[in-house]
């Protein structure tokens, strides 16, 4: 199960931004909300996805809220679940027209 809240960060070029995603899981289907910020700008995105074993794919589908004048890439995250005492999702993300990067979030 990967439902629940995950916190960590993503990188884009040399920039690292905090990333928090709360997921609801129904069998292999995921949906939820992600929040992030860069300097004083914030964004909240709707997220949908799926799991296949330890492989977890998430797609930000729309911007629900953002600070005035900011814009956000709608990312596709391709991650792998690492089980253990501190569970982690780590992998890469990409978005059309944006520099891709990596992502790592944890769930105690």
Protein backbone atom coordinates (compact mmCIF):
# COMPACT_ATOMS: atom_id res chain seq x y z
CA UNK A 1 0.00 0.00 0.00
CA UNK A 2 1.26 3.49 -0.84
CA UNK A 3 -1.74 5.43 0.44
CA UNK A 4 -1.03 8.15 2.97
CA UNK A 5 1.21 11.20 3.13
CA UNK A 6 4.72 11.29 1.66
CA UNK A 7 7.21 14.13 2.17
CA UNK A 8 10.55 14.93 0.61
CA UNK A 9 11.80 16.91 -2.37
CA UNK A 10 12.31 17.02 -6.12
CA UNK A 11 15.12 18.52 -8.15
CA UNK A 12 14.98 20.55 -11.34
CA UNK A 13 18.42 21.44 -12.62
CA UNK A 14 20.33 22.78 -9.61
CA UNK A 15 17.13 23.69 -7.70
CA UNK A 16 15.66 21.50 -4.96
CA UNK A 17 12.04 22.07 -3.90
CA UNK A 18 10.03 20.49 -1.08
CA UNK A 19 7.31 18.09 -2.23
CA UNK A 20 4.43 16.62 -0.26
CA UNK A 21 1.85 14.25 -1.70
CA UNK A 22 -1.17 12.72 0.01
CA UNK A 23 -2.50 9.65 -1.78
CA UNK A 24 -5.68 7.62 -1.48
CA UNK A 25 -5.33 4.08 -2.80
CA UNK A 26 -8.05 1.76 -4.14
CA UNK A 27 -6.32 -1.50 -5.12
CA UNK A 28 -3.75 -0.38 -7.74
CA UNK A 29 -5.28 3.05 -8.44
CA UNK A 30 -4.02 6.21 -6.72
CA UNK A 31 -5.38 9.74 -6.46
CA UNK A 32 -4.61 12.69 -4.26
CA UNK A 33 -3.06 16.12 -3.93
CA UNK A 34 0.56 17.31 -4.12
CA UNK A 35 1.97 20.58 -2.78
CA UNK A 36 5.29 22.25 -3.44
CA UNK A 37 7.00 25.60 -3.28
CA UNK A 38 9.95 27.39 -4.78
CA UNK A 39 11.14 30.45 -2.91
CA UNK A 40 7.90 32.33 -2.13
CA UNK A 41 5.79 30.65 -4.86
CA UNK A 42 3.57 27.67 -4.01
CA UNK A 43 1.51 25.21 -6.03
CA UNK A 44 -1.12 22.58 -5.29
CA UNK A 45 -1.80 19.92 -7.93
CA UNK A 46 -4.27 17.07 -8.38
CA UNK A 47 -2.47 13.72 -8.74
CA UNK A 48 -3.58 10.42 -10.26
CA UNK A 49 -1.59 7.24 -10.70
CA UNK A 50 -1.17 3.51 -10.34
CA UNK A 51 1.04 0.83 -8.85
CA UNK A 52 2.46 -2.35 -10.36
CA UNK A 53 4.26 -4.22 -7.60
CA UNK A 54 6.88 -1.77 -6.25
CA UNK A 55 6.64 0.48 -9.36
CA UNK A 56 4.55 3.63 -8.73
CA UNK A 57 3.61 6.15 -11.44
CA UNK A 58 2.00 9.47 -10.54
CA UNK A 59 0.72 12.16 -12.92
CA UNK A 60 -0.10 15.69 -11.83
CA UNK A 61 -3.25 16.35 -13.85
CA UNK A 62 -4.17 19.94 -12.96
CA UNK A 63 -3.10 22.91 -10.87
CA UNK A 64 -5.69 23.40 -8.11
CA UNK A 65 -4.11 26.47 -6.52
CA UNK A 66 -0.95 28.53 -6.96
CA UNK A 67 0.54 31.81 -5.89
CA UNK A 68 -0.17 34.75 -8.19
CA UNK A 69 2.15 34.91 -11.18
CA UNK A 70 3.63 31.45 -10.66
CA UNK A 71 3.52 28.57 -13.10
CA UNK A 72 4.17 24.88 -12.45
CA UNK A 73 5.13 21.94 -14.63
CA UNK A 74 2.55 19.14 -14.49
CA UNK A 75 4.95 16.31 -13.73
CA UNK A 76 4.88 12.59 -14.47
CA UNK A 77 6.72 10.81 -11.65
CA UNK A 78 8.14 7.33 -12.19
CA UNK A 79 9.21 5.90 -8.85
CA UNK A 80 10.04 2.66 -7.06
CA UNK A 81 8.90 1.85 -3.54
CA UNK A 82 11.66 0.91 -1.10
CA UNK A 83 10.10 -0.87 1.89
CA UNK A 84 11.52 -0.74 5.39
CA UNK A 85 11.26 1.19 8.62
CA UNK A 86 11.22 4.42 6.61
CA UNK A 87 9.42 3.68 3.36
CA UNK A 88 10.55 5.71 0.34
CA UNK A 89 9.43 6.46 -3.20
CA UNK A 90 12.34 7.55 -5.37
CA UNK A 91 12.83 8.02 -9.08
CA UNK A 92 12.58 10.58 -11.84
CA UNK A 93 10.05 13.04 -13.14
CA UNK A 94 9.46 14.69 -16.49
CA UNK A 95 7.08 17.23 -17.99
CA UNK A 96 6.61 18.65 -21.47
CA UNK A 97 8.62 21.87 -21.84
CA UNK A 98 10.38 21.55 -18.48
CA UNK A 99 13.84 20.42 -17.38
CA UNK A 100 13.35 16.93 -15.87
CA UNK A 101 14.73 15.87 -12.51
CA UNK A 102 14.61 13.42 -9.65
CA UNK A 103 12.20 12.95 -6.75
CA UNK A 104 12.47 11.33 -3.35
CA UNK A 105 9.72 11.23 -0.72
CA UNK A 106 9.45 9.24 2.48
CA UNK A 107 6.72 7.86 4.69
CA UNK A 108 7.66 6.80 8.23
